[in-house]
Amino acid sequence: MSSYALRLPESLKLAAKRIAAADDTTMNQFFVVAIAEKISAMETAKFFEQRAASGKADAAQAAWDKVGSDAAMSDDTWSQ
């Protein structure tokens, strides 16, 4: 594990301290989870951008055509 000195505006520090306390955790754990969430979101977005760039519209449409209009379940309130 490594350490990193973080410069943080006082308003963000107070908000992080308040939220961490409400979640019964430390500020350090709050920051670790927040950074992990941000990294995950950015890497997920990049993954889907790459997948979209390599995708083929006709193949996607063929897959949707296989689903058909009867795919909704009978108890699906959105299809009623």
N, C-alpha and C. Protein backbone atom coordinates (compact mmCIF):
# COMPACT_ATOMS: atom_id res chain seq x y z
N MET A 1 0.85 -1.17 0.00
CA MET A 1 0.00 0.00 0.00
C MET A 1 0.90 1.23 0.00
N SER A 2 0.49 2.26 -0.71
CA SER A 2 1.28 3.48 -0.75
C SER A 2 0.48 4.64 -0.18
N SER A 3 1.19 5.72 0.09
CA SER A 3 0.57 6.93 0.63
C SER A 3 0.67 8.05 -0.37
N TYR A 4 -0.28 8.98 -0.28
CA TYR A 4 -0.29 10.14 -1.15
C TYR A 4 -0.87 11.31 -0.37
N ALA A 5 -0.11 12.39 -0.30
CA ALA A 5 -0.60 13.59 0.38
C ALA A 5 -1.58 14.29 -0.55
N LEU A 6 -2.75 14.58 -0.06
CA LEU A 6 -3.81 15.14 -0.88
C LEU A 6 -4.12 16.57 -0.44
N ARG A 7 -4.06 17.49 -1.38
CA ARG A 7 -4.48 18.86 -1.10
C ARG A 7 -5.96 18.95 -1.41
N LEU A 8 -6.73 19.39 -0.45
CA LEU A 8 -8.17 19.36 -0.56
C LEU A 8 -8.78 20.65 -0.04
N PRO A 9 -9.65 21.28 -0.83
CA PRO A 9 -10.33 22.48 -0.31
C PRO A 9 -11.08 22.14 0.98
N GLU A 10 -11.10 23.07 1.88
CA GLU A 10 -11.73 22.84 3.18
C GLU A 10 -13.19 22.41 3.05
N SER A 11 -13.91 22.99 2.09
CA SER A 11 -15.32 22.62 1.93
C SER A 11 -15.48 21.16 1.53
N LEU A 12 -14.60 20.65 0.67
CA LEU A 12 -14.66 19.24 0.29
C LEU A 12 -14.25 18.34 1.45
N LYS A 13 -13.28 18.79 2.22
CA LYS A 13 -12.84 18.00 3.36
C LYS A 13 -13.98 17.86 4.38
N LEU A 14 -14.66 18.95 4.64
CA LEU A 14 -15.76 18.91 5.61
C LEU A 14 -16.89 18.01 5.11
N ALA A 15 -17.21 18.10 3.81
CA ALA A 15 -18.27 17.27 3.24
C ALA A 15 -17.87 15.79 3.29
N ALA A 16 -16.62 15.49 2.95
CA ALA A 16 -16.14 14.10 2.99
C ALA A 16 -16.17 13.57 4.42
N LYS A 17 -15.77 14.39 5.36
CA LYS A 17 -15.76 13.98 6.77
C LYS A 17 -17.18 13.69 7.25
N ARG A 18 -18.13 14.55 6.86
CA ARG A 18 -19.52 14.38 7.26
C ARG A 18 -20.09 13.10 6.65
N ILE A 19 -19.85 12.87 5.36
CA ILE A 19 -20.40 11.71 4.68
C ILE A 19 -19.76 10.42 5.20
N ALA A 20 -18.45 10.45 5.42
CA ALA A 20 -17.77 9.27 5.95
C ALA A 20 -18.31 8.91 7.33
N ALA A 21 -18.52 9.91 8.16
CA ALA A 21 -19.05 9.66 9.50
C ALA A 21 -20.46 9.08 9.43
N ALA A 22 -21.28 9.62 8.52
CA ALA A 22 -22.64 9.11 8.37
C ALA A 22 -22.65 7.67 7.87
N ASP A 23 -21.61 7.31 7.13
CA ASP A 23 -21.49 5.95 6.58
C ASP A 23 -20.69 5.05 7.52
N ASP A 24 -20.32 5.57 8.67
CA ASP A 24 -19.56 4.84 9.68
C ASP A 24 -18.25 4.28 9.11
N THR A 25 -17.53 5.14 8.41
CA THR A 25 -16.24 4.76 7.83
C THR A 25 -15.25 5.90 8.01
N THR A 26 -14.03 5.67 7.62
CA THR A 26 -13.02 6.72 7.73
C THR A 26 -12.99 7.57 6.47
N MET A 27 -12.40 8.73 6.57
CA MET A 27 -12.23 9.56 5.38
C MET A 27 -11.33 8.86 4.38
N ASN A 28 -10.31 8.17 4.87
CA ASN A 28 -9.41 7.45 3.97
C ASN A 28 -10.20 6.42 3.15
N GLN A 29 -11.04 5.64 3.81
CA GLN A 29 -11.83 4.64 3.10
C GLN A 29 -12.80 5.31 2.13
N PHE A 30 -13.37 6.43 2.52
CA PHE A 30 -14.27 7.18 1.64
C PHE A 30 -13.54 7.59 0.37
N PHE A 31 -12.32 8.12 0.53
CA PHE A 31 -11.55 8.55 -0.64
C PHE A 31 -11.16 7.37 -1.52
N VAL A 32 -10.76 6.27 -0.91
CA VAL A 32 -10.37 5.08 -1.69
C VAL A 32 -11.56 4.60 -2.53
N VAL A 33 -12.74 4.51 -1.92
CA VAL A 33 -13.92 4.05 -2.64
C VAL A 33 -14.31 5.06 -3.73
N ALA A 34 -14.24 6.34 -3.43
CA ALA A 34 -14.60 7.36 -4.41
C ALA A 34 -13.67 7.31 -5.63
N ILE A 35 -12.38 7.14 -5.37
CA ILE A 35 -11.42 7.05 -6.47
C ILE A 35 -11.66 5.77 -7.28
N ALA A 36 -11.92 4.67 -6.60
CA ALA A 36 -12.19 3.41 -7.29
C ALA A 36 -13.44 3.52 -8.16
N GLU A 37 -14.48 4.17 -7.66
CA GLU A 37 -15.71 4.36 -8.43
C GLU A 37 -15.45 5.20 -9.68
N LYS A 38 -14.68 6.26 -9.54
CA LYS A 38 -14.38 7.13 -10.68
C LYS A 38 -13.57 6.39 -11.73
N ILE A 39 -12.56 5.64 -11.30
CA ILE A 39 -11.74 4.86 -12.23
C ILE A 39 -12.62 3.85 -12.96
N SER A 40 -13.48 3.17 -12.22
CA SER A 40 -14.37 2.18 -12.82
C SER A 40 -15.29 2.81 -13.86
N ALA A 41 -15.86 3.95 -13.54
CA ALA A 41 -16.77 4.63 -14.47
C ALA A 41 -16.03 5.05 -15.75
N MET A 42 -14.84 5.59 -15.59
CA MET A 42 -14.10 6.04 -16.76
C MET A 42 -13.63 4.87 -17.62
N GLU A 43 -13.19 3.80 -16.99
CA GLU A 43 -12.74 2.64 -17.76
C GLU A 43 -13.92 1.93 -18.43
N THR A 44 -15.07 1.92 -17.78
CA THR A 44 -16.26 1.33 -18.38
C THR A 44 -16.68 2.13 -19.60
N ALA A 45 -16.68 3.45 -19.49
CA ALA A 45 -17.03 4.30 -20.63
C ALA A 45 -16.07 4.06 -21.79
N LYS A 46 -14.79 3.97 -21.50
CA LYS A 46 -13.80 3.72 -22.55
C LYS A 46 -14.04 2.36 -23.20
N PHE A 47 -14.34 1.34 -22.39
CA PHE A 47 -14.61 0.01 -22.92
C PHE A 47 -15.76 0.04 -23.91
N PHE A 48 -16.88 0.70 -23.54
CA PHE A 48 -18.04 0.74 -24.43
C PHE A 48 -17.79 1.62 -25.65
N GLU A 49 -16.99 2.66 -25.53
CA GLU A 49 -16.63 3.45 -26.70
C GLU A 49 -15.86 2.60 -27.70
N GLN A 50 -14.92 1.80 -27.19
CA GLN A 50 -14.15 0.92 -28.07
C GLN A 50 -15.04 -0.14 -28.70
N ARG A 51 -15.94 -0.71 -27.92
CA ARG A 51 -16.86 -1.72 -28.48
C ARG A 51 -17.76 -1.11 -29.54
N ALA A 52 -18.25 0.11 -29.29
CA ALA A 52 -19.13 0.76 -30.25
C ALA A 52 -18.39 1.07 -31.55
N ALA A 53 -17.13 1.46 -31.42
CA ALA A 53 -16.35 1.79 -32.62
C ALA A 53 -16.10 0.57 -33.49
N SER A 54 -16.05 -0.60 -32.88
CA SER A 54 -15.79 -1.81 -33.65
C SER A 54 -17.08 -2.54 -34.03
N GLY A 55 -18.21 -2.01 -33.61
CA GLY A 55 -19.48 -2.67 -33.89
C GLY A 55 -19.97 -2.43 -35.31
N LYS A 56 -20.89 -3.29 -35.72
CA LYS A 56 -21.47 -3.18 -37.05
C LYS A 56 -22.98 -3.03 -36.89
N ALA A 57 -23.53 -1.98 -37.48
CA ALA A 57 -24.95 -1.68 -37.34
C ALA A 57 -25.82 -2.80 -37.88
N ASP A 58 -25.44 -3.40 -39.01
CA ASP A 58 -26.27 -4.46 -39.60
C ASP A 58 -26.29 -5.71 -38.71
N ALA A 59 -25.18 -6.01 -38.04
CA ALA A 59 -25.14 -7.15 -37.12
C ALA A 59 -26.01 -6.87 -35.90
N ALA A 60 -25.97 -5.65 -35.40
CA ALA A 60 -26.80 -5.28 -34.25
C ALA A 60 -28.28 -5.37 -34.62
N GLN A 61 -28.63 -4.88 -35.80
CA GLN A 61 -30.03 -4.93 -36.23
C GLN A 61 -30.49 -6.38 -36.40
N ALA A 62 -29.62 -7.23 -36.92
CA ALA A 62 -29.96 -8.64 -37.07
C ALA A 62 -30.24 -9.28 -35.71
N ALA A 63 -29.46 -8.92 -34.71
CA ALA A 63 -29.68 -9.44 -33.36
C ALA A 63 -31.02 -8.95 -32.82
N TRP A 64 -31.34 -7.67 -33.01
CA TRP A 64 -32.63 -7.14 -32.55
C TRP A 64 -33.78 -7.80 -33.29
N ASP A 65 -33.59 -8.08 -34.56
CA ASP A 65 -34.65 -8.72 -35.34
C ASP A 65 -34.97 -10.12 -34.80
N LYS A 66 -33.98 -10.80 -34.25
CA LYS A 66 -34.20 -12.12 -33.67
C LYS A 66 -35.07 -12.05 -32.42
N VAL A 67 -35.00 -10.93 -31.70
CA VAL A 67 -35.78 -10.77 -30.47
C VAL A 67 -37.26 -10.71 -30.80
N GLY A 68 -37.63 -9.94 -31.80
CA GLY A 68 -39.02 -9.84 -32.21
C GLY A 68 -39.85 -8.99 -31.28
N SER A 69 -41.08 -8.77 -31.65
CA SER A 69 -41.95 -7.89 -30.86
C SER A 69 -42.65 -8.62 -29.72
N ASP A 70 -42.59 -9.95 -29.68
CA ASP A 70 -43.25 -10.72 -28.63
C ASP A 70 -42.33 -11.02 -27.46
N ALA A 71 -41.24 -10.30 -27.36
CA ALA A 71 -40.24 -10.59 -26.33
C ALA A 71 -40.69 -10.16 -24.93
N ALA A 72 -41.60 -9.21 -24.83
CA ALA A 72 -42.04 -8.74 -23.52
C ALA A 72 -42.84 -9.82 -22.81
N MET A 73 -42.61 -9.94 -21.51
CA MET A 73 -43.34 -10.93 -20.72
C MET A 73 -44.78 -10.45 -20.52
N SER A 74 -45.69 -11.36 -20.31
CA SER A 74 -47.09 -11.01 -20.18
C SER A 74 -47.39 -10.14 -18.98
N ASP A 75 -46.59 -10.25 -17.92
CA ASP A 75 -46.83 -9.42 -16.73
C ASP A 75 -46.05 -8.11 -16.77
N ASP A 76 -45.45 -7.80 -17.90
CA ASP A 76 -44.69 -6.57 -18.06
C ASP A 76 -45.67 -5.40 -18.18
N THR A 77 -45.71 -4.55 -17.17
CA THR A 77 -46.67 -3.44 -17.16
C THR A 77 -46.37 -2.41 -18.24
N TRP A 78 -45.13 -2.35 -18.72
CA TRP A 78 -44.78 -1.38 -19.76
C TRP A 78 -45.38 -1.76 -21.10
N SER A 79 -45.62 -3.04 -21.34
CA SER A 79 -46.11 -3.45 -22.64
C SER A 79 -47.65 -3.43 -22.70
N GLN A 80 -48.31 -3.11 -21.59
CA GLN A 80 -49.78 -3.13 -21.56
C GLN A 80 -50.35 -1.80 -21.97
